[in-house]
Amino acid sequence: MSSKFSREYLIDMVINRYFANVDRKDLAAVLECFTPDAVFTVQSAFTTHEGRDTGIRRMFETFFASYPTGRHHNFRHVTDVDGNAIASQFDVLLHDGAGGETRMSNCNFFYLENGKFKRVYVYMSGENVLV
């Protein structure tokens, strides 16, 4: 049984430990947010990445190579402390290597086990950038 974590912990996990490190392209810190057997599903694209050190790692390596700069911002959260879960709606601004810009409005659902992401479900506007 996983311990319960506070609303503040859940929000900090999403904004400061996860998305801030995604924006910095710090792969090791991003992967540290996941359990070894985590499952990451882009529900809006019917795509699933399994395993922190395999599928999820490959997904982020591809994402970081495709979008050298990006920013996740304008967060809004709904937390479920009893269920160790948080839903986060936010805006995304990405720049690819050719100078192109991608803007999205996304919503992610994070389910934690022992303080780390066990399951993540992503709903994104536009084309799937997490292939």
N, C-alpha and C. Protein backbone atom coordinates (compact mmCIF):
# COMPACT_ATOMS: atom_id res chain seq x y z
N MET A 1 0.85 -1.19 0.00
CA MET A 1 0.00 0.00 0.00
C MET A 1 0.88 1.24 0.00
N SER A 2 0.63 2.13 -0.89
CA SER A 2 1.38 3.37 -1.01
C SER A 2 0.92 4.38 0.04
N SER A 3 1.85 5.14 0.58
CA SER A 3 1.51 6.18 1.53
C SER A 3 0.76 7.29 0.82
N LYS A 4 -0.03 8.06 1.60
CA LYS A 4 -0.71 9.21 1.04
C LYS A 4 0.25 10.39 1.04
N PHE A 5 0.16 11.22 0.01
CA PHE A 5 1.00 12.40 -0.10
C PHE A 5 0.12 13.64 -0.15
N SER A 6 0.62 14.73 0.38
CA SER A 6 -0.15 15.96 0.47
C SER A 6 -0.41 16.57 -0.90
N ARG A 7 -1.38 17.47 -0.94
CA ARG A 7 -1.67 18.23 -2.16
C ARG A 7 -0.42 18.96 -2.61
N GLU A 8 0.29 19.55 -1.68
CA GLU A 8 1.51 20.30 -2.00
C GLU A 8 2.57 19.39 -2.61
N TYR A 9 2.71 18.18 -2.08
CA TYR A 9 3.67 17.22 -2.64
C TYR A 9 3.30 16.89 -4.08
N LEU A 10 2.02 16.59 -4.32
CA LEU A 10 1.58 16.20 -5.66
C LEU A 10 1.84 17.33 -6.67
N ILE A 11 1.52 18.56 -6.31
CA ILE A 11 1.74 19.70 -7.20
C ILE A 11 3.23 19.92 -7.42
N ASP A 12 4.02 19.84 -6.36
CA ASP A 12 5.47 20.01 -6.49
C ASP A 12 6.06 18.92 -7.40
N MET A 13 5.58 17.71 -7.26
CA MET A 13 6.05 16.60 -8.08
C MET A 13 5.82 16.90 -9.57
N VAL A 14 4.63 17.39 -9.89
CA VAL A 14 4.28 17.66 -11.28
C VAL A 14 5.05 18.86 -11.83
N ILE A 15 5.02 19.99 -11.11
CA ILE A 15 5.60 21.22 -11.65
C ILE A 15 7.12 21.24 -11.53
N ASN A 16 7.63 21.02 -10.32
CA ASN A 16 9.06 21.25 -10.06
C ASN A 16 9.95 20.05 -10.32
N ARG A 17 9.47 18.87 -10.02
CA ARG A 17 10.32 17.69 -10.22
C ARG A 17 10.19 17.11 -11.63
N TYR A 18 8.99 17.18 -12.17
CA TYR A 18 8.76 16.59 -13.49
C TYR A 18 8.88 17.62 -14.61
N PHE A 19 7.91 18.52 -14.74
CA PHE A 19 7.90 19.42 -15.90
C PHE A 19 9.09 20.37 -15.93
N ALA A 20 9.57 20.85 -14.80
CA ALA A 20 10.75 21.73 -14.81
C ALA A 20 11.95 20.98 -15.38
N ASN A 21 12.06 19.70 -15.07
CA ASN A 21 13.17 18.90 -15.60
C ASN A 21 12.94 18.51 -17.06
N VAL A 22 11.69 18.34 -17.47
CA VAL A 22 11.40 18.13 -18.89
C VAL A 22 11.86 19.37 -19.66
N ASP A 23 11.51 20.55 -19.16
CA ASP A 23 11.88 21.79 -19.84
C ASP A 23 13.39 22.01 -19.86
N ARG A 24 14.10 21.51 -18.86
CA ARG A 24 15.57 21.61 -18.81
C ARG A 24 16.25 20.49 -19.61
N LYS A 25 15.47 19.54 -20.08
CA LYS A 25 15.99 18.37 -20.81
C LYS A 25 16.91 17.53 -19.92
N ASP A 26 16.58 17.42 -18.65
CA ASP A 26 17.36 16.64 -17.68
C ASP A 26 16.74 15.24 -17.61
N LEU A 27 17.20 14.37 -18.50
CA LEU A 27 16.61 13.04 -18.63
C LEU A 27 16.67 12.25 -17.33
N ALA A 28 17.81 12.26 -16.65
CA ALA A 28 17.94 11.49 -15.40
C ALA A 28 16.93 11.95 -14.36
N ALA A 29 16.77 13.26 -14.21
CA ALA A 29 15.82 13.80 -13.23
C ALA A 29 14.38 13.48 -13.62
N VAL A 30 14.07 13.53 -14.91
CA VAL A 30 12.72 13.19 -15.38
C VAL A 30 12.43 11.73 -15.07
N LEU A 31 13.34 10.84 -15.41
CA LEU A 31 13.12 9.41 -15.18
C LEU A 31 13.01 9.08 -13.70
N GLU A 32 13.66 9.85 -12.85
CA GLU A 32 13.60 9.64 -11.40
C GLU A 32 12.17 9.83 -10.88
N CYS A 33 11.32 10.49 -11.62
CA CYS A 33 9.93 10.72 -11.21
C CYS A 33 9.06 9.48 -11.37
N PHE A 34 9.54 8.46 -12.08
CA PHE A 34 8.74 7.28 -12.42
C PHE A 34 9.17 6.05 -11.64
N THR A 35 8.22 5.17 -11.38
CA THR A 35 8.55 3.85 -10.85
C THR A 35 9.18 3.04 -11.98
N PRO A 36 9.98 2.02 -11.66
CA PRO A 36 10.61 1.22 -12.73
C PRO A 36 9.61 0.61 -13.70
N ASP A 37 8.43 0.24 -13.22
CA ASP A 37 7.43 -0.42 -14.08
C ASP A 37 6.33 0.54 -14.54
N ALA A 38 6.61 1.81 -14.57
CA ALA A 38 5.61 2.82 -14.95
C ALA A 38 5.11 2.60 -16.37
N VAL A 39 3.88 3.07 -16.59
CA VAL A 39 3.26 3.04 -17.91
C VAL A 39 2.81 4.47 -18.23
N PHE A 40 3.19 4.94 -19.42
CA PHE A 40 2.91 6.31 -19.86
C PHE A 40 2.08 6.20 -21.14
N THR A 41 0.83 6.64 -21.08
CA THR A 41 -0.09 6.50 -22.20
C THR A 41 -0.50 7.87 -22.73
N VAL A 42 -0.30 8.09 -24.02
CA VAL A 42 -0.85 9.28 -24.68
C VAL A 42 -2.21 8.83 -25.19
N GLN A 43 -3.21 9.03 -24.35
CA GLN A 43 -4.54 8.51 -24.61
C GLN A 43 -5.13 9.11 -25.88
N SER A 44 -4.86 10.38 -26.13
CA SER A 44 -5.43 11.04 -27.31
C SER A 44 -4.81 10.54 -28.61
N ALA A 45 -3.69 9.80 -28.52
CA ALA A 45 -3.04 9.24 -29.72
C ALA A 45 -2.98 7.72 -29.69
N PHE A 46 -3.58 7.10 -28.68
CA PHE A 46 -3.60 5.64 -28.54
C PHE A 46 -2.19 5.06 -28.56
N THR A 47 -1.27 5.71 -27.82
CA THR A 47 0.13 5.31 -27.77
C THR A 47 0.52 5.03 -26.32
N THR A 48 1.22 3.93 -26.09
CA THR A 48 1.65 3.58 -24.73
C THR A 48 3.14 3.29 -24.73
N HIS A 49 3.82 3.80 -23.69
CA HIS A 49 5.25 3.57 -23.47
C HIS A 49 5.37 2.89 -22.11
N GLU A 50 6.01 1.74 -22.09
CA GLU A 50 6.09 0.95 -20.86
C GLU A 50 7.52 0.85 -20.35
N GLY A 51 7.66 0.98 -19.03
CA GLY A 51 8.95 0.83 -18.38
C GLY A 51 9.75 2.12 -18.35
N ARG A 52 10.13 2.55 -17.16
CA ARG A 52 10.91 3.78 -17.00
C ARG A 52 12.20 3.75 -17.81
N ASP A 53 12.93 2.64 -17.76
CA ASP A 53 14.26 2.58 -18.36
C ASP A 53 14.25 2.08 -19.80
N THR A 54 13.08 1.79 -20.31
CA THR A 54 12.99 1.31 -21.70
C THR A 54 12.08 2.25 -22.50
N GLY A 55 10.79 1.97 -22.53
CA GLY A 55 9.86 2.74 -23.36
C GLY A 55 9.77 4.21 -23.01
N ILE A 56 9.69 4.53 -21.73
CA ILE A 56 9.57 5.93 -21.31
C ILE A 56 10.88 6.67 -21.59
N ARG A 57 12.00 6.03 -21.33
CA ARG A 57 13.30 6.65 -21.65
C ARG A 57 13.41 6.96 -23.15
N ARG A 58 13.07 6.00 -24.00
CA ARG A 58 13.13 6.21 -25.46
C ARG A 58 12.21 7.36 -25.89
N MET A 59 11.02 7.41 -25.31
CA MET A 59 10.08 8.46 -25.65
C MET A 59 10.69 9.83 -25.35
N PHE A 60 11.28 10.00 -24.16
CA PHE A 60 11.87 11.29 -23.80
C PHE A 60 13.13 11.59 -24.61
N GLU A 61 13.93 10.59 -24.93
CA GLU A 61 15.10 10.84 -25.77
C GLU A 61 14.68 11.39 -27.14
N THR A 62 13.64 10.80 -27.71
CA THR A 62 13.12 11.27 -29.00
C THR A 62 12.53 12.67 -28.87
N PHE A 63 11.76 12.89 -27.82
CA PHE A 63 11.14 14.20 -27.60
C PHE A 63 12.20 15.29 -27.43
N PHE A 64 13.21 15.05 -26.61
CA PHE A 64 14.27 16.04 -26.38
C PHE A 64 15.04 16.34 -27.67
N ALA A 65 15.27 15.33 -28.49
CA ALA A 65 15.99 15.54 -29.75
C ALA A 65 15.13 16.31 -30.75
N SER A 66 13.83 16.12 -30.71
CA SER A 66 12.92 16.76 -31.66
C SER A 66 12.59 18.21 -31.30
N TYR A 67 12.61 18.51 -30.00
CA TYR A 67 12.23 19.85 -29.53
C TYR A 67 13.30 20.37 -28.57
N PRO A 68 14.32 21.04 -29.10
CA PRO A 68 15.43 21.51 -28.26
C PRO A 68 15.00 22.45 -27.14
N THR A 69 13.92 23.21 -27.34
CA THR A 69 13.43 24.07 -26.26
C THR A 69 11.93 23.91 -26.13
N GLY A 70 11.47 24.05 -24.90
CA GLY A 70 10.05 23.95 -24.63
C GLY A 70 9.73 24.48 -23.25
N ARG A 71 8.46 24.81 -23.07
CA ARG A 71 8.02 25.32 -21.77
C ARG A 71 6.61 24.85 -21.49
N HIS A 72 6.41 24.31 -20.31
CA HIS A 72 5.09 23.92 -19.79
C HIS A 72 4.72 24.97 -18.75
N HIS A 73 3.52 25.56 -18.88
CA HIS A 73 3.16 26.67 -17.99
C HIS A 73 1.64 26.82 -17.89
N ASN A 74 1.21 27.80 -17.09
CA ASN A 74 -0.23 28.06 -16.84
C ASN A 74 -0.92 26.83 -16.28
N PHE A 75 -0.35 26.26 -15.23
CA PHE A 75 -0.88 25.04 -14.63
C PHE A 75 -2.15 25.28 -13.83
N ARG A 76 -3.06 24.31 -13.91
CA ARG A 76 -4.25 24.22 -13.08
C ARG A 76 -4.34 22.76 -12.64
N HIS A 77 -4.60 22.54 -11.36
CA HIS A 77 -4.55 21.18 -10.82
C HIS A 77 -5.83 20.80 -10.08
N VAL A 78 -6.15 19.52 -10.14
CA VAL A 78 -7.14 18.90 -9.27
C VAL A 78 -6.43 17.72 -8.63
N THR A 79 -6.42 17.71 -7.29
CA THR A 79 -5.68 16.66 -6.59
C THR A 79 -6.63 15.70 -5.88
N ASP A 80 -6.18 14.48 -5.76
CA ASP A 80 -6.88 13.43 -5.00
C ASP A 80 -5.85 12.84 -4.04
N VAL A 81 -5.77 13.43 -2.87
CA VAL A 81 -4.77 13.01 -1.88
C VAL A 81 -5.01 11.57 -1.47
N ASP A 82 -6.25 11.18 -1.24
CA ASP A 82 -6.55 9.81 -0.82
C ASP A 82 -6.17 8.79 -1.89
N GLY A 83 -6.28 9.18 -3.16
CA GLY A 83 -5.95 8.27 -4.25
C GLY A 83 -4.56 8.44 -4.82
N ASN A 84 -3.74 9.32 -4.20
CA ASN A 84 -2.38 9.58 -4.69
C ASN A 84 -2.39 9.91 -6.18
N ALA A 85 -3.26 10.85 -6.55
CA ALA A 85 -3.42 11.20 -7.95
C ALA A 85 -3.56 12.71 -8.11
N ILE A 86 -3.21 13.18 -9.29
CA ILE A 86 -3.35 14.59 -9.63
C ILE A 86 -3.62 14.71 -11.12
N ALA A 87 -4.57 15.59 -11.45
CA ALA A 87 -4.83 15.95 -12.84
C ALA A 87 -4.31 17.36 -13.03
N SER A 88 -3.55 17.57 -14.09
CA SER A 88 -2.95 18.88 -14.35
C SER A 88 -3.26 19.32 -15.78
N GLN A 89 -3.87 20.48 -15.88
CA GLN A 89 -4.11 21.09 -17.19
C GLN A 89 -3.08 22.20 -17.34
N PHE A 90 -2.53 22.36 -18.56
CA PHE A 90 -1.44 23.32 -18.75
C PHE A 90 -1.29 23.63 -20.22
N ASP A 91 -0.51 24.67 -20.49
CA ASP A 91 -0.17 25.06 -21.85
C ASP A 91 1.27 24.64 -22.14
N VAL A 92 1.55 24.36 -23.41
CA VAL A 92 2.87 23.93 -23.85
C VAL A 92 3.30 24.78 -25.03
N LEU A 93 4.55 25.21 -25.00
CA LEU A 93 5.16 25.92 -26.12
C LEU A 93 6.46 25.19 -26.45
N LEU A 94 6.55 24.65 -27.67
CA LEU A 94 7.73 23.89 -28.10
C LEU A 94 8.34 24.52 -29.34
N HIS A 95 9.66 24.43 -29.44
CA HIS A 95 10.37 24.86 -30.64
C HIS A 95 11.20 23.71 -31.17
N ASP A 96 11.02 23.39 -32.44
CA ASP A 96 11.81 22.31 -33.03
C ASP A 96 13.12 22.87 -33.57
N GLY A 97 13.99 22.00 -34.03
CA GLY A 97 15.31 22.39 -34.50
C GLY A 97 15.28 23.24 -35.76
N ALA A 98 14.19 23.23 -36.50
CA ALA A 98 14.08 24.01 -37.74
C ALA A 98 13.46 25.38 -37.51
N GLY A 99 13.19 25.72 -36.24
CA GLY A 99 12.60 27.02 -35.93
C GLY A 99 11.09 27.02 -35.86
N GLY A 100 10.49 25.85 -36.05
CA GLY A 100 9.03 25.76 -35.97
C GLY A 100 8.55 25.83 -34.53
N GLU A 101 7.33 26.30 -34.37
CA GLU A 101 6.74 26.45 -33.04
C GLU A 101 5.47 25.62 -32.95
N THR A 102 5.31 24.93 -31.82
CA THR A 102 4.10 24.16 -31.55
C THR A 102 3.52 24.64 -30.24
N ARG A 103 2.23 24.97 -30.26
CA ARG A 103 1.51 25.38 -29.06
C ARG A 103 0.39 24.38 -28.81
N MET A 104 0.26 23.97 -27.55
CA MET A 104 -0.78 23.01 -27.20
C MET A 104 -1.39 23.35 -25.85
N SER A 105 -2.56 22.80 -25.63
CA SER A 105 -3.20 22.83 -24.32
C SER A 105 -3.45 21.37 -23.96
N ASN A 106 -2.83 20.91 -22.88
CA ASN A 106 -2.87 19.49 -22.53
C ASN A 106 -3.45 19.27 -21.14
N CYS A 107 -3.85 18.04 -20.89
CA CYS A 107 -4.26 17.62 -19.56
C CYS A 107 -3.65 16.25 -19.30
N ASN A 108 -2.93 16.14 -18.18
CA ASN A 108 -2.31 14.88 -17.79
C ASN A 108 -2.92 14.39 -16.49
N PHE A 109 -3.08 13.09 -16.38
CA PHE A 109 -3.54 12.46 -15.16
C PHE A 109 -2.40 11.60 -14.64
N PHE A 110 -1.94 11.88 -13.43
CA PHE A 110 -0.80 11.19 -12.82
C PHE A 110 -1.30 10.37 -11.64
N TYR A 111 -0.92 9.10 -11.60
CA TYR A 111 -1.24 8.20 -10.49
C TYR A 111 0.08 7.76 -9.88
N LEU A 112 0.25 8.02 -8.58
CA LEU A 112 1.52 7.78 -7.91
C LEU A 112 1.49 6.52 -7.06
N GLU A 113 2.66 5.91 -6.95
CA GLU A 113 2.89 4.80 -6.04
C GLU A 113 4.22 5.08 -5.35
N ASN A 114 4.21 5.09 -4.03
CA ASN A 114 5.42 5.37 -3.25
C ASN A 114 6.07 6.69 -3.68
N GLY A 115 5.24 7.68 -4.00
CA GLY A 115 5.74 9.02 -4.30
C GLY A 115 6.23 9.25 -5.71
N LYS A 116 6.09 8.25 -6.58
CA LYS A 116 6.54 8.38 -7.97
C LYS A 116 5.40 8.02 -8.91
N PHE A 117 5.53 8.46 -10.17
CA PHE A 117 4.49 8.18 -11.15
C PHE A 117 4.50 6.71 -11.54
N LYS A 118 3.37 6.07 -11.35
CA LYS A 118 3.17 4.67 -11.73
C LYS A 118 2.44 4.58 -13.08
N ARG A 119 1.45 5.45 -13.24
CA ARG A 119 0.69 5.53 -14.48
C ARG A 119 0.47 7.00 -14.83
N VAL A 120 0.63 7.33 -16.10
CA VAL A 120 0.38 8.69 -16.59
C VAL A 120 -0.48 8.57 -17.85
N TYR A 121 -1.54 9.38 -17.89
CA TYR A 121 -2.40 9.45 -19.06
C TYR A 121 -2.37 10.87 -19.58
N VAL A 122 -2.06 11.05 -20.86
CA VAL A 122 -1.90 12.36 -21.47
C VAL A 122 -2.99 12.56 -22.52
N TYR A 123 -3.62 13.72 -22.46
CA TYR A 123 -4.56 14.16 -23.48
C TYR A 123 -4.00 15.47 -24.01
N MET A 124 -3.60 15.48 -25.29
CA MET A 124 -2.99 16.69 -25.85
C MET A 124 -3.76 17.17 -27.06
N SER A 125 -3.76 18.48 -27.19
CA SER A 125 -4.36 19.07 -28.39
C SER A 125 -3.30 18.98 -29.49
N GLY A 126 -3.73 18.75 -30.69
CA GLY A 126 -2.78 18.68 -31.79
C GLY A 126 -2.12 17.32 -31.92
N GLU A 127 -1.08 17.30 -32.75
CA GLU A 127 -0.35 16.09 -33.06
C GLU A 127 0.43 15.56 -31.86
N ASN A 128 0.55 14.26 -31.76
CA ASN A 128 1.29 13.63 -30.67
C ASN A 128 2.78 13.92 -30.82
N VAL A 129 3.36 14.61 -29.83
CA VAL A 129 4.79 14.91 -29.85
C VAL A 129 5.59 13.93 -28.99
N LEU A 130 4.90 12.97 -28.38
CA LEU A 130 5.55 11.99 -27.49
C LEU A 130 5.49 10.62 -28.14
N VAL A 131 6.25 10.45 -29.22
CA VAL A 131 6.24 9.20 -29.97
C VAL A 131 7.36 8.26 -29.55
